[in-house]
């Protein structure tokens, strides 16, 4: 697992969360589990972001019965969330391309 600088990580978690929920509607712990296999994150990081993205109308939520007890809150990306994800991906691709130019010594 790669441990990213905290400030840098905060800047890309919205992108990562939007992407995994776009790929599959999930409840909070599933999102944490999926991302924590790659990034050094936990529920104290993810749940506030999920609340904020939902307040911004990038996600809707619904509940579903769980075979293991209480109902679970699932997150589903909205069309506004889809648009925001596309913007984030374009910005990320440009950023990575520019950083690779710098690291490769190809800046003028």
C-alpha atoms as a PDB file:
ATOM      1  CA  UNK A   1       0.000   0.000   0.000  1.00  0.00           C
ATOM      2  CA  UNK A   2       1.334   3.427  -0.919  1.00  0.00           C
ATOM      3  CA  UNK A   3       1.129   6.168   1.739  1.00  0.00           C
ATOM      4  CA  UNK A   4       0.438   9.498   0.027  1.00  0.00           C
ATOM      5  CA  UNK A   5       1.088  12.925   1.488  1.00  0.00           C
ATOM      6  CA  UNK A   6      -2.080  13.890   3.407  1.00  0.00           C
ATOM      7  CA  UNK A   7      -2.795  17.133   1.534  1.00  0.00           C
ATOM      8  CA  UNK A   8      -2.236  15.524  -1.850  1.00  0.00           C
ATOM      9  CA  UNK A   9      -4.460  12.596  -0.893  1.00  0.00           C
ATOM     10  CA  UNK A  10      -7.303  14.899   0.171  1.00  0.00           C
ATOM     11  CA  UNK A  11      -7.148  16.510  -3.253  1.00  0.00           C
ATOM     12  CA  UNK A  12      -7.736  13.277  -5.150  1.00  0.00           C
ATOM     13  CA  UNK A  13     -10.119  11.343  -2.908  1.00  0.00           C
ATOM     14  CA  UNK A  14     -13.201  13.003  -4.416  1.00  0.00           C
ATOM     15  CA  UNK A  15     -12.093  11.719  -7.816  1.00  0.00           C
ATOM     16  CA  UNK A  16     -11.465   8.197  -6.514  1.00  0.00           C
ATOM     17  CA  UNK A  17     -14.752   8.004  -4.609  1.00  0.00           C
ATOM     18  CA  UNK A  18     -16.791   9.301  -7.539  1.00  0.00           C
ATOM     19  CA  UNK A  19     -15.125   6.753  -9.827  1.00  0.00           C
ATOM     20  CA  UNK A  20     -15.686   3.680  -7.659  1.00  0.00           C
ATOM     21  CA  UNK A  21     -19.327   4.619  -7.045  1.00  0.00           C
ATOM     22  CA  UNK A  22     -19.854   5.254 -10.755  1.00  0.00           C
ATOM     23  CA  UNK A  23     -18.531   1.759 -11.439  1.00  0.00           C
ATOM     24  CA  UNK A  24     -20.805   0.211  -8.808  1.00  0.00           C
ATOM     25  CA  UNK A  25     -23.320   1.577  -6.297  1.00  0.00           C
ATOM     26  CA  UNK A  26     -21.904   0.825  -2.846  1.00  0.00           C
ATOM     27  CA  UNK A  27     -22.453   1.415   0.830  1.00  0.00           C
ATOM     28  CA  UNK A  28     -19.879   3.324   2.851  1.00  0.00           C
ATOM     29  CA  UNK A  29     -17.866   0.410   4.210  1.00  0.00           C
ATOM     30  CA  UNK A  30     -17.581  -1.115   0.717  1.00  0.00           C
ATOM     31  CA  UNK A  31     -16.106   2.158  -0.559  1.00  0.00           C
ATOM     32  CA  UNK A  32     -13.650   2.262   2.345  1.00  0.00           C
ATOM     33  CA  UNK A  33     -12.701  -1.382   1.831  1.00  0.00           C
ATOM     34  CA  UNK A  34     -12.148  -0.952  -1.906  1.00  0.00           C
ATOM     35  CA  UNK A  35     -10.009   2.186  -1.560  1.00  0.00           C
ATOM     36  CA  UNK A  36      -8.094   1.125   1.549  1.00  0.00           C
ATOM     37  CA  UNK A  37      -6.585  -1.775  -0.391  1.00  0.00           C
ATOM     38  CA  UNK A  38      -4.653   0.822  -2.386  1.00  0.00           C
ATOM     39  CA  UNK A  39      -4.673   4.064  -0.400  1.00  0.00           C
ATOM     40  CA  UNK A  40      -3.999   4.692   3.276  1.00  0.00           C
ATOM     41  CA  UNK A  41      -7.531   5.810   4.227  1.00  0.00           C
ATOM     42  CA  UNK A  42     -10.139   5.015   6.844  1.00  0.00           C
ATOM     43  CA  UNK A  43     -13.755   5.786   7.711  1.00  0.00           C
ATOM     44  CA  UNK A  44     -12.818   9.074   9.420  1.00  0.00           C
ATOM     45  CA  UNK A  45     -11.567  10.266   6.044  1.00  0.00           C
ATOM     46  CA  UNK A  46     -14.258   8.824   3.767  1.00  0.00           C
ATOM     47  CA  UNK A  47     -17.569   9.445   5.546  1.00  0.00           C
ATOM     48  CA  UNK A  48     -17.196  13.252   5.696  1.00  0.00           C
ATOM     49  CA  UNK A  49     -16.389  13.250   1.966  1.00  0.00           C
ATOM     50  CA  UNK A  50     -19.436  11.073   1.225  1.00  0.00           C
ATOM     51  CA  UNK A  51     -21.644  13.499   3.192  1.00  0.00           C
ATOM     52  CA  UNK A  52     -20.199  16.501   1.358  1.00  0.00           C
ATOM     53  CA  UNK A  53     -20.529  14.909  -2.100  1.00  0.00           C
ATOM     54  CA  UNK A  54     -24.130  13.970  -1.275  1.00  0.00           C
ATOM     55  CA  UNK A  55     -24.879  17.539  -0.085  1.00  0.00           C
ATOM     56  CA  UNK A  56     -23.407  18.799  -3.377  1.00  0.00           C
ATOM     57  CA  UNK A  57     -25.881  16.504  -5.186  1.00  0.00           C
ATOM     58  CA  UNK A  58     -23.101  14.433  -6.765  1.00  0.00           C
ATOM     59  CA  UNK A  59     -24.589  11.347  -5.095  1.00  0.00           C
ATOM     60  CA  UNK A  60     -28.035  10.236  -4.099  1.00  0.00           C
ATOM     61  CA  UNK A  61     -28.527   7.671  -1.374  1.00  0.00           C
ATOM     62  CA  UNK A  62     -30.962   4.874  -0.701  1.00  0.00           C
ATOM     63  CA  UNK A  63     -31.191   2.184   1.938  1.00  0.00           C
ATOM     64  CA  UNK A  64     -31.230  -1.536   1.439  1.00  0.00           C
ATOM     65  CA  UNK A  65     -31.717  -4.408   3.842  1.00  0.00           C
ATOM     66  CA  UNK A  66     -28.579  -6.193   4.896  1.00  0.00           C
ATOM     67  CA  UNK A  67     -28.391  -9.920   5.538  1.00  0.00           C
ATOM     68  CA  UNK A  68     -26.192  -9.056   8.532  1.00  0.00           C
ATOM     69  CA  UNK A  69     -28.423  -6.671  10.512  1.00  0.00           C
ATOM     70  CA  UNK A  70     -29.286  -3.009  10.043  1.00  0.00           C
ATOM     71  CA  UNK A  71     -30.095  -1.417   6.696  1.00  0.00           C
ATOM     72  CA  UNK A  72     -27.202  -0.025   4.692  1.00  0.00           C
ATOM     73  CA  UNK A  73     -27.028   3.370   3.003  1.00  0.00           C
ATOM     74  CA  UNK A  74     -25.974   3.002  -0.629  1.00  0.00           C
ATOM     75  CA  UNK A  75     -24.460   5.769  -2.736  1.00  0.00           C
ATOM     76  CA  UNK A  76     -25.377   6.284  -6.379  1.00  0.00           C
ATOM     77  CA  UNK A  77     -23.751   8.834  -8.665  1.00  0.00           C
ATOM     78  CA  UNK A  78     -26.044  11.488 -10.164  1.00  0.00           C
ATOM     79  CA  UNK A  79     -25.796  13.082 -13.599  1.00  0.00           C
ATOM     80  CA  UNK A  80     -24.198  16.093 -11.890  1.00  0.00           C
ATOM     81  CA  UNK A  81     -21.723  13.696 -10.266  1.00  0.00           C
ATOM     82  CA  UNK A  82     -21.013  12.113 -13.646  1.00  0.00           C
ATOM     83  CA  UNK A  83     -20.239  15.535 -15.120  1.00  0.00           C
ATOM     84  CA  UNK A  84     -17.991  16.430 -12.171  1.00  0.00           C
ATOM     85  CA  UNK A  85     -16.169  13.091 -12.495  1.00  0.00           C
ATOM     86  CA  UNK A  86     -15.472  13.776 -16.187  1.00  0.00           C
ATOM     87  CA  UNK A  87     -14.038  17.179 -15.292  1.00  0.00           C
ATOM     88  CA  UNK A  88     -11.895  15.673 -12.528  1.00  0.00           C
ATOM     89  CA  UNK A  89     -10.572  12.962 -14.855  1.00  0.00           C
ATOM     90  CA  UNK A  90      -9.649  15.535 -17.525  1.00  0.00           C
ATOM     91  CA  UNK A  91      -7.911  17.699 -14.905  1.00  0.00           C
ATOM     92  CA  UNK A  92      -6.104  14.661 -13.470  1.00  0.00           C
ATOM     93  CA  UNK A  93      -4.907  13.508 -16.898  1.00  0.00           C
ATOM     94  CA  UNK A  94      -3.557  16.991 -17.666  1.00  0.00           C
ATOM     95  CA  UNK A  95      -1.887  17.209 -14.265  1.00  0.00           C
ATOM     96  CA  UNK A  96      -0.197  13.803 -14.619  1.00  0.00           C
ATOM     97  CA  UNK A  97       0.950  14.617 -18.137  1.00  0.00           C
ATOM     98  CA  UNK A  98       2.473  17.904 -16.968  1.00  0.00           C
ATOM     99  CA  UNK A  99       4.200  16.290 -13.970  1.00  0.00           C
ATOM    100  CA  UNK A 100       5.604  13.550 -16.215  1.00  0.00           C
ATOM    101  CA  UNK A 101       7.019  16.225 -18.524  1.00  0.00           C
ATOM    102  CA  UNK A 102       8.721  17.877 -15.572  1.00  0.00           C
ATOM    103  CA  UNK A 103      10.044  14.596 -14.139  1.00  0.00           C
ATOM    104  CA  UNK A 104      11.249  13.524 -17.569  1.00  0.00           C
ATOM    105  CA  UNK A 105      13.191  16.758 -18.022  1.00  0.00           C
ATOM    106  CA  UNK A 106      11.072  17.761 -21.010  1.00  0.00           C
ATOM    107  CA  UNK A 107      10.099  21.276 -19.916  1.00  0.00           C
ATOM    108  CA  UNK A 108      11.322  24.329 -21.800  1.00  0.00           C
END
